[in-house]
Amino acid sequence: NLSDGGEDAVTIREFDLPTKAFVKGGFSLPKGK
């Protein structure tokens, strides 16, 4: 969950722990509460 400047609204992106990278084509939800 990533926020623009600290807002409650967030962007949500899927991350892979073994590769330490965001998942290409993975879950990605644009900014919103």
PDB file of all heavy atoms in Angstrom:
ATOM      1  N   ASN A   1       0.840  -1.196   0.000  1.00  0.00           N
ATOM      2  CA  ASN A   1       0.000   0.000   0.000  1.00  0.00           C
ATOM      3  C   ASN A   1       0.872   1.241   0.000  1.00  0.00           C
ATOM      4  O   ASN A   1       1.690   1.436   0.920  1.00  0.00           O
ATOM      5  CB  ASN A   1      -0.916   0.011   1.229  1.00  0.00           C
ATOM      6  CG  ASN A   1      -1.961  -1.079   1.185  1.00  0.00           C
ATOM      7  OD1 ASN A   1      -3.092  -0.860   0.797  1.00  0.00           O
ATOM      8  ND2 ASN A   1      -1.576  -2.288   1.577  1.00  0.00           N
ATOM      9  N   LEU A   2       0.721   2.069  -1.017  1.00  0.00           N
ATOM     10  CA  LEU A   2       1.520   3.280  -1.175  1.00  0.00           C
ATOM     11  C   LEU A   2       0.600   4.494  -1.238  1.00  0.00           C
ATOM     12  O   LEU A   2      -0.402   4.493  -1.958  1.00  0.00           O
ATOM     13  CB  LEU A   2       2.362   3.206  -2.452  1.00  0.00           C
ATOM     14  CG  LEU A   2       3.357   2.040  -2.526  1.00  0.00           C
ATOM     15  CD1 LEU A   2       3.959   1.951  -3.927  1.00  0.00           C
ATOM     16  CD2 LEU A   2       4.452   2.198  -1.483  1.00  0.00           C
ATOM     17  N   SER A   3       0.956   5.519  -0.482  1.00  0.00           N
ATOM     18  CA  SER A   3       0.143   6.733  -0.407  1.00  0.00           C
ATOM     19  C   SER A   3       0.879   7.902  -1.042  1.00  0.00           C
ATOM     20  O   SER A   3       2.103   8.021  -0.940  1.00  0.00           O
ATOM     21  CB  SER A   3      -0.167   7.045   1.061  1.00  0.00           C
ATOM     22  OG  SER A   3      -0.612   8.372   1.213  1.00  0.00           O
ATOM     23  N   ASP A   4       0.130   8.772  -1.676  1.00  0.00           N
ATOM     24  CA  ASP A   4       0.684   9.997  -2.236  1.00  0.00           C
ATOM     25  C   ASP A   4       0.737  11.054  -1.139  1.00  0.00           C
ATOM     26  O   ASP A   4      -0.278  11.646  -0.776  1.00  0.00           O
ATOM     27  CB  ASP A   4      -0.193  10.471  -3.397  1.00  0.00           C
ATOM     28  CG  ASP A   4       0.261  11.808  -3.983  1.00  0.00           C
ATOM     29  OD1 ASP A   4       1.361  12.280  -3.618  1.00  0.00           O
ATOM     30  OD2 ASP A   4      -0.476  12.386  -4.792  1.00  0.00           O
ATOM     31  N   GLY A   5       1.922  11.230  -0.553  1.00  0.00           N
ATOM     32  CA  GLY A   5       2.115  12.293   0.429  1.00  0.00           C
ATOM     33  C   GLY A   5       1.523  12.042   1.789  1.00  0.00           C
ATOM     34  O   GLY A   5       1.501  12.936   2.622  1.00  0.00           O
ATOM     35  N   GLY A   6       1.011  10.822   2.027  1.00  0.00           N
ATOM     36  CA  GLY A   6       0.482  10.502   3.345  1.00  0.00           C
ATOM     37  C   GLY A   6      -1.027  10.426   3.424  1.00  0.00           C
ATOM     38  O   GLY A   6      -1.583  10.220   4.505  1.00  0.00           O
ATOM     39  N   GLU A   7      -1.720  10.568   2.305  1.00  0.00           N
ATOM     40  CA  GLU A   7      -3.178  10.473   2.308  1.00  0.00           C
ATOM     41  C   GLU A   7      -3.633   9.077   2.742  1.00  0.00           C
ATOM     42  O   GLU A   7      -2.894   8.098   2.649  1.00  0.00           O
ATOM     43  CB  GLU A   7      -3.727  10.742   0.900  1.00  0.00           C
ATOM     44  CG  GLU A   7      -3.484  12.133   0.374  1.00  0.00           C
ATOM     45  CD  GLU A   7      -3.929  12.285  -1.072  1.00  0.00           C
ATOM     46  OE1 GLU A   7      -3.957  11.275  -1.798  1.00  0.00           O
ATOM     47  OE2 GLU A   7      -4.254  13.413  -1.460  1.00  0.00           O
ATOM     48  N   ASP A   8      -4.899   8.986   3.174  1.00  0.00           N
ATOM     49  CA  ASP A   8      -5.488   7.675   3.440  1.00  0.00           C
ATOM     50  C   ASP A   8      -5.721   6.905   2.146  1.00  0.00           C
ATOM     51  O   ASP A   8      -5.685   5.674   2.130  1.00  0.00           O
ATOM     52  CB  ASP A   8      -6.818   7.824   4.182  1.00  0.00           C
ATOM     53  CG  ASP A   8      -6.626   8.156   5.659  1.00  0.00           C
ATOM     54  OD1 ASP A   8      -5.470   8.151   6.129  1.00  0.00           O
ATOM     55  OD2 ASP A   8      -7.623   8.417   6.350  1.00  0.00           O
ATOM     56  N   ALA A   9      -5.988   7.610   1.067  1.00  0.00           N
ATOM     57  CA  ALA A   9      -6.136   6.962  -0.234  1.00  0.00           C
ATOM     58  C   ALA A   9      -4.805   6.325  -0.625  1.00  0.00           C
ATOM     59  O   ALA A   9      -3.740   6.928  -0.452  1.00  0.00           O
ATOM     60  CB  ALA A   9      -6.565   7.976  -1.288  1.00  0.00           C
ATOM     61  N   VAL A  10      -4.863   5.096  -1.152  1.00  0.00           N
ATOM     62  CA  VAL A  10      -3.632   4.365  -1.472  1.00  0.00           C
ATOM     63  C   VAL A  10      -3.708   3.746  -2.859  1.00  0.00           C
ATOM     64  O   VAL A  10      -4.784   3.496  -3.405  1.00  0.00           O
ATOM     65  CB  VAL A  10      -3.348   3.243  -0.445  1.00  0.00           C
ATOM     66  CG1 VAL A  10      -3.028   3.824   0.920  1.00  0.00           C
ATOM     67  CG2 VAL A  10      -4.497   2.253  -0.364  1.00  0.00           C
ATOM     68  N   THR A  11      -2.516   3.497  -3.407  1.00  0.00           N
ATOM     69  CA  THR A  11      -2.337   2.651  -4.578  1.00  0.00           C
ATOM     70  C   THR A  11      -1.872   1.296  -4.066  1.00  0.00           C
ATOM     71  O   THR A  11      -0.986   1.230  -3.200  1.00  0.00           O
ATOM     72  CB  THR A  11      -1.288   3.252  -5.531  1.00  0.00           C
ATOM     73  OG1 THR A  11      -1.748   4.524  -5.989  1.00  0.00           O
ATOM     74  CG2 THR A  11      -1.040   2.337  -6.718  1.00  0.00           C
ATOM     75  N   ILE A  12      -2.447   0.208  -4.587  1.00  0.00           N
ATOM     76  CA  ILE A  12      -2.109  -1.136  -4.111  1.00  0.00           C
ATOM     77  C   ILE A  12      -1.469  -1.919  -5.247  1.00  0.00           C
ATOM     78  O   ILE A  12      -2.041  -2.027  -6.338  1.00  0.00           O
ATOM     79  CB  ILE A  12      -3.360  -1.876  -3.592  1.00  0.00           C
ATOM     80  CG1 ILE A  12      -4.020  -1.074  -2.459  1.00  0.00           C
ATOM     81  CG2 ILE A  12      -3.006  -3.281  -3.120  1.00  0.00           C
ATOM     82  CD1 ILE A  12      -5.316  -1.688  -1.939  1.00  0.00           C
ATOM     83  N   ARG A  13      -0.270  -2.480  -4.982  1.00  0.00           N
ATOM     84  CA  ARG A  13       0.465  -3.211  -6.025  1.00  0.00           C
ATOM     85  C   ARG A  13       1.014  -4.507  -5.452  1.00  0.00           C
ATOM     86  O   ARG A  13       1.465  -4.557  -4.300  1.00  0.00           O
ATOM     87  CB  ARG A  13       1.597  -2.345  -6.576  1.00  0.00           C
ATOM     88  CG  ARG A  13       1.094  -1.132  -7.333  1.00  0.00           C
ATOM     89  CD  ARG A  13       2.113  -0.015  -7.420  1.00  0.00           C
ATOM     90  NE  ARG A  13       3.284  -0.377  -8.183  1.00  0.00           N
ATOM     91  CZ  ARG A  13       4.297   0.466  -8.419  1.00  0.00           C
ATOM     92  NH1 ARG A  13       4.242   1.709  -7.943  1.00  0.00           N
ATOM     93  NH2 ARG A  13       5.336   0.089  -9.109  1.00  0.00           N
ATOM     94  N   GLU A  14       1.011  -5.549  -6.272  1.00  0.00           N
ATOM     95  CA  GLU A  14       1.482  -6.859  -5.839  1.00  0.00           C
ATOM     96  C   GLU A  14       2.999  -6.945  -5.911  1.00  0.00           C
ATOM     97  O   GLU A  14       3.618  -6.527  -6.902  1.00  0.00           O
ATOM     98  CB  GLU A  14       0.855  -7.958  -6.705  1.00  0.00           C
ATOM     99  CG  GLU A  14       1.179  -9.366  -6.221  1.00  0.00           C
ATOM    100  CD  GLU A  14       0.544 -10.445  -7.073  1.00  0.00           C
ATOM    101  OE1 GLU A  14      -0.030 -10.120  -8.142  1.00  0.00           O
ATOM    102  OE2 GLU A  14       0.625 -11.632  -6.674  1.00  0.00           O
ATOM    103  N   PHE A  15       3.578  -7.508  -4.859  1.00  0.00           N
ATOM    104  CA  PHE A  15       5.041  -7.572  -4.719  1.00  0.00           C
ATOM    105  C   PHE A  15       5.441  -9.013  -4.440  1.00  0.00           C
ATOM    106  O   PHE A  15       4.770  -9.730  -3.683  1.00  0.00           O
ATOM    107  CB  PHE A  15       5.469  -6.661  -3.563  1.00  0.00           C
ATOM    108  CG  PHE A  15       6.947  -6.452  -3.437  1.00  0.00           C
ATOM    109  CD1 PHE A  15       7.579  -5.478  -4.187  1.00  0.00           C
ATOM    110  CD2 PHE A  15       7.712  -7.218  -2.567  1.00  0.00           C
ATOM    111  CE1 PHE A  15       8.952  -5.266  -4.066  1.00  0.00           C
ATOM    112  CE2 PHE A  15       9.072  -7.022  -2.438  1.00  0.00           C
ATOM    113  CZ  PHE A  15       9.697  -6.034  -3.191  1.00  0.00           C
ATOM    114  N   ASP A  16       6.550  -9.433  -5.057  1.00  0.00           N
ATOM    115  CA  ASP A  16       7.065 -10.799  -4.878  1.00  0.00           C
ATOM    116  C   ASP A  16       8.273 -10.766  -3.937  1.00  0.00           C
ATOM    117  O   ASP A  16       9.285 -10.109  -4.238  1.00  0.00           O
ATOM    118  CB  ASP A  16       7.469 -11.383  -6.230  1.00  0.00           C
ATOM    119  CG  ASP A  16       7.931 -12.823  -6.128  1.00  0.00           C
ATOM    120  OD1 ASP A  16       7.090 -13.700  -5.886  1.00  0.00           O
ATOM    121  OD2 ASP A  16       9.157 -13.069  -6.256  1.00  0.00           O
ATOM    122  N   LEU A  17       8.173 -11.454  -2.798  1.00  0.00           N
ATOM    123  CA  LEU A  17       9.256 -11.406  -1.813  1.00  0.00           C
ATOM    124  C   LEU A  17      10.525 -12.119  -2.266  1.00  0.00           C
ATOM    125  O   LEU A  17      11.629 -11.605  -2.044  1.00  0.00           O
ATOM    126  CB  LEU A  17       8.770 -11.976  -0.477  1.00  0.00           C
ATOM    127  CG  LEU A  17       7.733 -11.132   0.273  1.00  0.00           C
ATOM    128  CD1 LEU A  17       7.331 -11.813   1.576  1.00  0.00           C
ATOM    129  CD2 LEU A  17       8.266  -9.731   0.551  1.00  0.00           C
ATOM    130  N   PRO A  18      10.458 -13.327  -2.877  1.00  0.00           N
ATOM    131  CA  PRO A  18      11.710 -13.983  -3.286  1.00  0.00           C
ATOM    132  C   PRO A  18      12.545 -13.152  -4.261  1.00  0.00           C
ATOM    133  O   PRO A  18      13.768 -13.104  -4.152  1.00  0.00           O
ATOM    134  CB  PRO A  18      11.223 -15.289  -3.933  1.00  0.00           C
ATOM    135  CG  PRO A  18       9.916 -15.568  -3.270  1.00  0.00           C
ATOM    136  CD  PRO A  18       9.300 -14.219  -3.073  1.00  0.00           C
ATOM    137  N   THR A  19      11.880 -12.498  -5.222  1.00  0.00           N
ATOM    138  CA  THR A  19      12.633 -11.710  -6.212  1.00  0.00           C
ATOM    139  C   THR A  19      12.789 -10.247  -5.814  1.00  0.00           C
ATOM    140  O   THR A  19      13.497  -9.491  -6.487  1.00  0.00           O
ATOM    141  CB  THR A  19      11.937 -11.776  -7.578  1.00  0.00           C
ATOM    142  OG1 THR A  19      10.616 -11.215  -7.465  1.00  0.00           O
ATOM    143  CG2 THR A  19      11.835 -13.220  -8.062  1.00  0.00           C
ATOM    144  N   LYS A  20      12.093  -9.831  -4.752  1.00  0.00           N
ATOM    145  CA  LYS A  20      12.147  -8.451  -4.265  1.00  0.00           C
ATOM    146  C   LYS A  20      11.755  -7.451  -5.361  1.00  0.00           C
ATOM    147  O   LYS A  20      12.426  -6.442  -5.581  1.00  0.00           O
ATOM    148  CB  LYS A  20      13.530  -8.123  -3.691  1.00  0.00           C
ATOM    149  CG  LYS A  20      13.948  -9.006  -2.536  1.00  0.00           C
ATOM    150  CD  LYS A  20      15.238  -8.560  -1.886  1.00  0.00           C
ATOM    151  CE  LYS A  20      16.433  -8.734  -2.773  1.00  0.00           C
ATOM    152  NZ  LYS A  20      17.706  -8.443  -2.084  1.00  0.00           N
ATOM    153  N   ALA A  21      10.660  -7.771  -6.049  1.00  0.00           N
ATOM    154  CA  ALA A  21      10.230  -6.925  -7.165  1.00  0.00           C
ATOM    155  C   ALA A  21       8.709  -6.953  -7.272  1.00  0.00           C
ATOM    156  O   ALA A  21       8.058  -7.920  -6.867  1.00  0.00           O
ATOM    157  CB  ALA A  21      10.849  -7.413  -8.471  1.00  0.00           C
ATOM    158  N   PHE A  22       8.158  -5.863  -7.830  1.00  0.00           N
ATOM    159  CA  PHE A  22       6.736  -5.863  -8.123  1.00  0.00           C
ATOM    160  C   PHE A  22       6.451  -6.876  -9.227  1.00  0.00           C
ATOM    161  O   PHE A  22       7.255  -7.063 -10.148  1.00  0.00           O
ATOM    162  CB  PHE A  22       6.271  -4.463  -8.542  1.00  0.00           C
ATOM    163  CG  PHE A  22       6.227  -3.487  -7.397  1.00  0.00           C
ATOM    164  CD1 PHE A  22       7.226  -2.538  -7.233  1.00  0.00           C
ATOM    165  CD2 PHE A  22       5.190  -3.522  -6.481  1.00  0.00           C
ATOM    166  CE1 PHE A  22       7.193  -1.643  -6.174  1.00  0.00           C
ATOM    167  CE2 PHE A  22       5.141  -2.637  -5.413  1.00  0.00           C
ATOM    168  CZ  PHE A  22       6.152  -1.699  -5.258  1.00  0.00           C
ATOM    169  N   VAL A  23       5.309  -7.519  -9.134  1.00  0.00           N
ATOM    170  CA  VAL A  23       4.961  -8.601 -10.053  1.00  0.00           C
ATOM    171  C   VAL A  23       4.486  -8.009 -11.382  1.00  0.00           C
ATOM    172  O   VAL A  23       3.509  -7.251 -11.414  1.00  0.00           O
ATOM    173  CB  VAL A  23       3.863  -9.497  -9.447  1.00  0.00           C
ATOM    174  CG1 VAL A  23       3.470 -10.601 -10.428  1.00  0.00           C
ATOM    175  CG2 VAL A  23       4.338 -10.094  -8.128  1.00  0.00           C
ATOM    176  N   LYS A  24       5.182  -8.363 -12.462  1.00  0.00           N
ATOM    177  CA  LYS A  24       4.763  -7.898 -13.783  1.00  0.00           C
ATOM    178  C   LYS A  24       3.425  -8.541 -14.134  1.00  0.00           C
ATOM    179  O   LYS A  24       3.285  -9.757 -14.100  1.00  0.00           O
ATOM    180  CB  LYS A  24       5.816  -8.257 -14.829  1.00  0.00           C
ATOM    181  CG  LYS A  24       7.122  -7.502 -14.672  1.00  0.00           C
ATOM    182  CD  LYS A  24       8.111  -7.853 -15.772  1.00  0.00           C
ATOM    183  CE  LYS A  24       9.422  -7.066 -15.610  1.00  0.00           C
ATOM    184  NZ  LYS A  24      10.403  -7.411 -16.665  1.00  0.00           N
ATOM    185  N   GLY A  25       2.452  -7.689 -14.438  1.00  0.00           N
ATOM    186  CA  GLY A  25       1.130  -8.199 -14.753  1.00  0.00           C
ATOM    187  C   GLY A  25       0.354  -8.657 -13.539  1.00  0.00           C
ATOM    188  O   GLY A  25      -0.704  -9.272 -13.669  1.00  0.00           O
ATOM    189  N   GLY A  26       0.891  -8.378 -12.353  1.00  0.00           N
ATOM    190  CA  GLY A  26       0.227  -8.786 -11.120  1.00  0.00           C
ATOM    191  C   GLY A  26      -0.906  -7.853 -10.747  1.00  0.00           C
ATOM    192  O   GLY A  26      -1.273  -6.940 -11.492  1.00  0.00           O
ATOM    193  N   PHE A  27      -1.459  -8.063  -9.569  1.00  0.00           N
ATOM    194  CA  PHE A  27      -2.549  -7.206  -9.104  1.00  0.00           C
ATOM    195  C   PHE A  27      -2.055  -5.768  -8.953  1.00  0.00           C
ATOM    196  O   PHE A  27      -0.978  -5.514  -8.388  1.00  0.00           O
ATOM    197  CB  PHE A  27      -3.077  -7.703  -7.759  1.00  0.00           C
ATOM    198  CG  PHE A  27      -3.822  -9.005  -7.843  1.00  0.00           C
ATOM    199  CD1 PHE A  27      -3.307 -10.148  -7.240  1.00  0.00           C
ATOM    200  CD2 PHE A  27      -5.033  -9.087  -8.510  1.00  0.00           C
ATOM    201  CE1 PHE A  27      -3.996 -11.347  -7.299  1.00  0.00           C
ATOM    202  CE2 PHE A  27      -5.733 -10.277  -8.579  1.00  0.00           C
ATOM    203  CZ  PHE A  27      -5.215 -11.417  -7.979  1.00  0.00           C
ATOM    204  N   SER A  28      -2.846  -4.836  -9.464  1.00  0.00           N
ATOM    205  CA  SER A  28      -2.494  -3.420  -9.361  1.00  0.00           C
ATOM    206  C   SER A  28      -3.781  -2.617  -9.315  1.00  0.00           C
ATOM    207  O   SER A  28      -4.563  -2.624 -10.271  1.00  0.00           O
ATOM    208  CB  SER A  28      -1.640  -2.984 -10.552  1.00  0.00           C
ATOM    209  OG  SER A  28      -1.279  -1.617 -10.423  1.00  0.00           O
ATOM    210  N   LEU A  29      -4.018  -1.950  -8.193  1.00  0.00           N
ATOM    211  CA  LEU A  29      -5.240  -1.175  -7.990  1.00  0.00           C
ATOM    212  C   LEU A  29      -4.887   0.304  -7.922  1.00  0.00           C
ATOM    213  O   LEU A  29      -4.129   0.724  -7.042  1.00  0.00           O
ATOM    214  CB  LEU A  29      -5.937  -1.602  -6.704  1.00  0.00           C
ATOM    215  CG  LEU A  29      -6.217  -3.104  -6.540  1.00  0.00           C
ATOM    216  CD1 LEU A  29      -6.893  -3.368  -5.196  1.00  0.00           C
ATOM    217  CD2 LEU A  29      -7.073  -3.625  -7.674  1.00  0.00           C
ATOM    218  N   PRO A  30      -5.401   1.102  -8.831  1.00  0.00           N
ATOM    219  CA  PRO A  30      -5.064   2.529  -8.822  1.00  0.00           C
ATOM    220  C   PRO A  30      -5.579   3.225  -7.569  1.00  0.00           C
ATOM    221  O   PRO A  30      -6.430   2.717  -6.845  1.00  0.00           O
ATOM    222  CB  PRO A  30      -5.745   3.060 -10.095  1.00  0.00           C
ATOM    223  CG  PRO A  30      -6.774   2.057 -10.449  1.00  0.00           C
ATOM    224  CD  PRO A  30      -6.283   0.746  -9.943  1.00  0.00           C
ATOM    225  N   LYS A  31      -5.066   4.420  -7.365  1.00  0.00           N
ATOM    226  CA  LYS A  31      -5.293   5.189  -6.146  1.00  0.00           C
ATOM    227  C   LYS A  31      -6.760   5.313  -5.783  1.00  0.00           C
ATOM    228  O   LYS A  31      -7.614   5.572  -6.626  1.00  0.00           O
ATOM    229  CB  LYS A  31      -4.681   6.581  -6.314  1.00  0.00           C
ATOM    230  CG  LYS A  31      -4.933   7.527  -5.151  1.00  0.00           C
ATOM    231  CD  LYS A  31      -4.321   8.896  -5.437  1.00  0.00           C
ATOM    232  CE  LYS A  31      -4.700   9.917  -4.381  1.00  0.00           C
ATOM    233  NZ  LYS A  31      -4.107  11.247  -4.666  1.00  0.00           N
ATOM    234  N   GLY A  32      -7.038   5.137  -4.499  1.00  0.00           N
ATOM    235  CA  GLY A  32      -8.381   5.339  -3.977  1.00  0.00           C
ATOM    236  C   GLY A  32      -8.443   4.980  -2.513  1.00  0.00           C
ATOM    237  O   GLY A  32      -7.535   4.341  -1.974  1.00  0.00           O
ATOM    238  N   LYS A  33      -9.510   5.393  -1.838  1.00  0.00           N
ATOM    239  CA  LYS A  33      -9.779   4.901  -0.488  1.00  0.00           C
ATOM    240  C   LYS A  33     -10.369   3.508  -0.661  1.00  0.00           C
ATOM    241  O   LYS A  33     -11.553   3.358  -0.968  1.00  0.00           O
ATOM    242  CB  LYS A  33     -10.741   5.828   0.252  1.00  0.00           C
ATOM    243  CG  LYS A  33     -10.084   7.057   0.826  1.00  0.00           C
ATOM    244  CD  LYS A  33     -11.024   7.771   1.780  1.00  0.00           C
ATOM    245  CE  LYS A  33     -10.338   8.931   2.470  1.00  0.00           C
ATOM    246  NZ  LYS A  33     -11.218   9.622   3.434  1.00  0.00           N
TER     247      LYS A  33
END
